[in-house]
Amino acid sequence: MIRVVLDANVIISGLLSPDGPPGKILDYFLEDQIKVFITLEILDELKRVLKYPRIQKRLDQKDIELLLNLIKTHAECVVIIGNLAVISRDPSDNKYAECALKANVDYLVTGNMDHFTEAATDLLKNRIISPREFLVKLEKEL
């Protein structure tokens, strides 16, 4: 089974646009065809972003709660001790790289490819990938 870390922007985009690549990736997660890894920090960010008024306006609260419960029960939570040196242009994205390294995932899927520095791609051996690229690779393997 393919092991991934999904950036919060992929999860939110999947909820808002279920027919696009992020939405299809969420479908594969919900069908237990990929293994998603998170940290408590990633879950906290997801909860925070889902409270944004512009997001809440577009999503049903029951769908938000259902997704959070599914992530809590189906994603594997890893514990990060210590921090990496800053490897993202947006330091808040370091948590995704840290999770990907700790869980030894196949891919870190993000819509913010430009946030990750060359050091991040070197550390993750070029496993940082866009939702569209991931979906193509995933569908070839299934």
C-alpha atoms as a PDB file:
ATOM      1  CA  MET A   1       0.000   0.000   0.000  1.00  0.00           C
ATOM      2  CA  ILE A   2       1.298   3.451  -0.882  1.00  0.00           C
ATOM      3  CA  ARG A   3       2.201   5.519   2.179  1.00  0.00           C
ATOM      4  CA  VAL A   4       1.610   9.282   2.009  1.00  0.00           C
ATOM      5  CA  VAL A   5       1.467  12.519   3.916  1.00  0.00           C
ATOM      6  CA  LEU A   6      -1.243  14.841   2.617  1.00  0.00           C
ATOM      7  CA  ASP A   7      -0.768  18.561   3.088  1.00  0.00           C
ATOM      8  CA  ALA A   8      -3.834  20.267   4.601  1.00  0.00           C
ATOM      9  CA  ASN A   9      -4.283  22.159   1.323  1.00  0.00           C
ATOM     10  CA  VAL A  10      -4.794  18.826  -0.474  1.00  0.00           C
ATOM     11  CA  ILE A  11      -7.388  17.670   2.046  1.00  0.00           C
ATOM     12  CA  ILE A  12      -9.274  20.986   1.992  1.00  0.00           C
ATOM     13  CA  SER A  13      -9.152  21.118  -1.817  1.00  0.00           C
ATOM     14  CA  GLY A  14     -10.457  17.559  -1.914  1.00  0.00           C
ATOM     15  CA  LEU A  15     -13.459  18.544   0.181  1.00  0.00           C
ATOM     16  CA  LEU A  16     -14.152  21.671  -1.848  1.00  0.00           C
ATOM     17  CA  SER A  17     -13.632  20.054  -5.275  1.00  0.00           C
ATOM     18  CA  PRO A  18     -14.381  16.339  -4.965  1.00  0.00           C
ATOM     19  CA  ASP A  19     -14.003  15.740  -8.715  1.00  0.00           C
ATOM     20  CA  GLY A  20     -10.447  17.130  -8.945  1.00  0.00           C
ATOM     21  CA  PRO A  21      -7.224  15.262  -8.160  1.00  0.00           C
ATOM     22  CA  PRO A  22      -7.309  16.095  -4.405  1.00  0.00           C
ATOM     23  CA  GLY A  23     -10.903  14.841  -4.192  1.00  0.00           C
ATOM     24  CA  LYS A  24      -9.973  11.599  -5.927  1.00  0.00           C
ATOM     25  CA  ILE A  25      -7.020  11.190  -3.562  1.00  0.00           C
ATOM     26  CA  LEU A  26      -9.401  11.543  -0.603  1.00  0.00           C
ATOM     27  CA  ASP A  27     -11.602   8.866  -2.185  1.00  0.00           C
ATOM     28  CA  TYR A  28      -8.636   6.482  -2.318  1.00  0.00           C
ATOM     29  CA  PHE A  29      -7.909   7.256   1.332  1.00  0.00           C
ATOM     30  CA  LEU A  30     -11.526   6.651   2.360  1.00  0.00           C
ATOM     31  CA  GLU A  31     -11.495   3.373   0.410  1.00  0.00           C
ATOM     32  CA  ASP A  32      -8.338   2.271   2.299  1.00  0.00           C
ATOM     33  CA  GLN A  33      -6.280   2.137  -0.888  1.00  0.00           C
ATOM     34  CA  ILE A  34      -3.569   4.464   0.440  1.00  0.00           C
ATOM     35  CA  LYS A  35      -2.155   4.799   3.937  1.00  0.00           C
ATOM     36  CA  VAL A  36      -2.110   8.386   5.214  1.00  0.00           C
ATOM     37  CA  PHE A  37       0.210   9.533   7.983  1.00  0.00           C
ATOM     38  CA  ILE A  38      -0.342  12.592  10.165  1.00  0.00           C
ATOM     39  CA  THR A  39       1.026  14.234  13.274  1.00  0.00           C
ATOM     40  CA  LEU A  40      -0.925  16.046  15.960  1.00  0.00           C
ATOM     41  CA  GLU A  41       0.431  19.299  14.502  1.00  0.00           C
ATOM     42  CA  ILE A  42      -0.979  18.444  11.069  1.00  0.00           C
ATOM     43  CA  LEU A  43      -4.338  17.558  12.600  1.00  0.00           C
ATOM     44  CA  ASP A  44      -4.356  20.844  14.555  1.00  0.00           C
ATOM     45  CA  GLU A  45      -3.629  22.809  11.378  1.00  0.00           C
ATOM     46  CA  LEU A  46      -6.409  21.014   9.544  1.00  0.00           C
ATOM     47  CA  LYS A  47      -8.888  21.776  12.342  1.00  0.00           C
ATOM     48  CA  ARG A  48      -7.816  25.437  12.352  1.00  0.00           C
ATOM     49  CA  VAL A  49      -8.121  25.845   8.581  1.00  0.00           C
ATOM     50  CA  LEU A  50     -11.513  24.128   8.528  1.00  0.00           C
ATOM     51  CA  LYS A  51     -12.769  26.882  10.864  1.00  0.00           C
ATOM     52  CA  TYR A  52     -11.985  29.661   8.383  1.00  0.00           C
ATOM     53  CA  PRO A  53     -15.267  31.426   7.497  1.00  0.00           C
ATOM     54  CA  ARG A  54     -14.625  31.093   3.751  1.00  0.00           C
ATOM     55  CA  ILE A  55     -14.240  27.319   4.195  1.00  0.00           C
ATOM     56  CA  GLN A  56     -17.180  26.887   6.575  1.00  0.00           C
ATOM     57  CA  LYS A  57     -19.368  28.811   4.133  1.00  0.00           C
ATOM     58  CA  ARG A  58     -18.702  26.180   1.449  1.00  0.00           C
ATOM     59  CA  LEU A  59     -18.800  22.989   3.533  1.00  0.00           C
ATOM     60  CA  ASP A  60     -21.445  21.344   5.649  1.00  0.00           C
ATOM     61  CA  GLN A  61     -20.393  21.077   9.310  1.00  0.00           C
ATOM     62  CA  LYS A  62     -21.369  17.386   9.344  1.00  0.00           C
ATOM     63  CA  ASP A  63     -19.001  16.709   6.428  1.00  0.00           C
ATOM     64  CA  ILE A  64     -16.194  18.498   8.269  1.00  0.00           C
ATOM     65  CA  GLU A  65     -16.773  16.459  11.431  1.00  0.00           C
ATOM     66  CA  LEU A  66     -17.019  13.224   9.448  1.00  0.00           C
ATOM     67  CA  LEU A  67     -13.739  13.896   7.666  1.00  0.00           C
ATOM     68  CA  LEU A  68     -11.928  14.769  10.897  1.00  0.00           C
ATOM     69  CA  ASN A  69     -13.215  11.581  12.528  1.00  0.00           C
ATOM     70  CA  LEU A  70     -12.148   9.498   9.536  1.00  0.00           C
ATOM     71  CA  ILE A  71      -8.689  11.020   9.611  1.00  0.00           C
ATOM     72  CA  LYS A  72      -8.406  10.394  13.343  1.00  0.00           C
ATOM     73  CA  THR A  73      -9.439   6.754  12.953  1.00  0.00           C
ATOM     74  CA  HIS A  74      -7.913   5.792   9.586  1.00  0.00           C
ATOM     75  CA  ALA A  75      -4.724   7.839   9.353  1.00  0.00           C
ATOM     76  CA  GLU A  76      -1.709   6.731  11.317  1.00  0.00           C
ATOM     77  CA  CYS A  77      -0.434   9.337  13.736  1.00  0.00           C
ATOM     78  CA  VAL A  78       3.324   9.599  14.167  1.00  0.00           C
ATOM     79  CA  VAL A  79       5.069  11.410  16.974  1.00  0.00           C
ATOM     80  CA  ILE A  80       7.833  13.841  16.113  1.00  0.00           C
ATOM     81  CA  ILE A  81      10.485  14.513  18.721  1.00  0.00           C
ATOM     82  CA  GLY A  82      12.646  17.531  17.993  1.00  0.00           C
ATOM     83  CA  ASN A  83      12.536  19.594  14.832  1.00  0.00           C
ATOM     84  CA  LEU A  84      14.328  19.633  11.527  1.00  0.00           C
ATOM     85  CA  ALA A  85      16.232  22.679  10.452  1.00  0.00           C
ATOM     86  CA  VAL A  86      14.053  24.955   8.377  1.00  0.00           C
ATOM     87  CA  ILE A  87      13.605  23.176   5.065  1.00  0.00           C
ATOM     88  CA  SER A  88      10.569  24.987   3.813  1.00  0.00           C
ATOM     89  CA  ARG A  89      10.145  28.542   2.629  1.00  0.00           C
ATOM     90  CA  ASP A  90       7.067  28.479   4.861  1.00  0.00           C
ATOM     91  CA  PRO A  91       8.319  27.126   8.209  1.00  0.00           C
ATOM     92  CA  SER A  92       4.811  25.914   9.074  1.00  0.00           C
ATOM     93  CA  ASP A  93       5.222  23.357   6.273  1.00  0.00           C
ATOM     94  CA  ASN A  94       8.175  21.710   8.019  1.00  0.00           C
ATOM     95  CA  LYS A  95       5.721  19.522   9.921  1.00  0.00           C
ATOM     96  CA  TYR A  96       4.821  17.751   6.677  1.00  0.00           C
ATOM     97  CA  ALA A  97       8.437  16.992   5.807  1.00  0.00           C
ATOM     98  CA  GLU A  98       9.091  15.843   9.377  1.00  0.00           C
ATOM     99  CA  CYS A  99       6.091  13.506   9.251  1.00  0.00           C
ATOM    100  CA  ALA A 100       7.121  12.172   5.834  1.00  0.00           C
ATOM    101  CA  LEU A 101      10.636  11.418   7.068  1.00  0.00           C
ATOM    102  CA  LYS A 102       9.521   9.854  10.357  1.00  0.00           C
ATOM    103  CA  ALA A 103       6.894   7.650   8.673  1.00  0.00           C
ATOM    104  CA  ASN A 104       9.180   6.839   5.733  1.00  0.00           C
ATOM    105  CA  VAL A 105       6.379   7.541   3.290  1.00  0.00           C
ATOM    106  CA  ASP A 106       6.451   7.075  -0.433  1.00  0.00           C
ATOM    107  CA  TYR A 107       5.176  10.605  -1.122  1.00  0.00           C
ATOM    108  CA  LEU A 108       4.444  13.952   0.476  1.00  0.00           C
ATOM    109  CA  VAL A 109       1.516  15.295  -1.552  1.00  0.00           C
ATOM    110  CA  THR A 110       1.183  19.075  -1.558  1.00  0.00           C
ATOM    111  CA  GLY A 111      -0.272  21.868  -3.606  1.00  0.00           C
ATOM    112  CA  ASN A 112       2.568  24.063  -2.339  1.00  0.00           C
ATOM    113  CA  MET A 113       5.494  22.518  -4.191  1.00  0.00           C
ATOM    114  CA  ASP A 114       7.263  25.875  -4.308  1.00  0.00           C
ATOM    115  CA  HIS A 115       7.309  26.073  -0.496  1.00  0.00           C
ATOM    116  CA  PHE A 116       9.844  23.273  -0.251  1.00  0.00           C
ATOM    117  CA  THR A 117      13.502  24.062  -0.712  1.00  0.00           C
ATOM    118  CA  GLU A 118      16.087  21.996  -2.511  1.00  0.00           C
ATOM    119  CA  ALA A 119      17.194  20.734   0.914  1.00  0.00           C
ATOM    120  CA  ALA A 120      13.715  19.331   1.507  1.00  0.00           C
ATOM    121  CA  THR A 121      13.611  17.536  -1.821  1.00  0.00           C
ATOM    122  CA  ASP A 122      17.095  16.150  -1.155  1.00  0.00           C
ATOM    123  CA  LEU A 123      16.063  14.907   2.309  1.00  0.00           C
ATOM    124  CA  LEU A 124      12.922  13.310   0.930  1.00  0.00           C
ATOM    125  CA  LYS A 125      14.699  11.996  -2.159  1.00  0.00           C
ATOM    126  CA  ASN A 126      12.357  13.835  -4.522  1.00  0.00           C
ATOM    127  CA  ARG A 127       9.207  12.311  -3.004  1.00  0.00           C
ATOM    128  CA  ILE A 128       7.453  15.698  -2.748  1.00  0.00           C
ATOM    129  CA  ILE A 129       4.769  15.604  -5.408  1.00  0.00           C
ATOM    130  CA  SER A 130       1.694  17.514  -6.580  1.00  0.00           C
ATOM    131  CA  PRO A 131      -1.784  16.000  -6.253  1.00  0.00           C
ATOM    132  CA  ARG A 132      -2.065  15.571 -10.031  1.00  0.00           C
ATOM    133  CA  GLU A 133       1.323  13.816 -10.286  1.00  0.00           C
ATOM    134  CA  PHE A 134       0.468  11.595  -7.322  1.00  0.00           C
ATOM    135  CA  LEU A 135      -2.878  10.611  -8.801  1.00  0.00           C
ATOM    136  CA  VAL A 136      -1.215   9.569 -12.073  1.00  0.00           C
ATOM    137  CA  LYS A 137       1.338   7.424 -10.208  1.00  0.00           C
ATOM    138  CA  LEU A 138      -1.318   5.976  -7.923  1.00  0.00           C
ATOM    139  CA  GLU A 139      -3.662   4.997 -10.723  1.00  0.00           C
ATOM    140  CA  LYS A 140      -0.797   3.244 -12.553  1.00  0.00           C
ATOM    141  CA  GLU A 141      -0.054   1.173  -9.447  1.00  0.00           C
ATOM    142  CA  LEU A 142      -3.642   0.156  -8.641  1.00  0.00           C
END
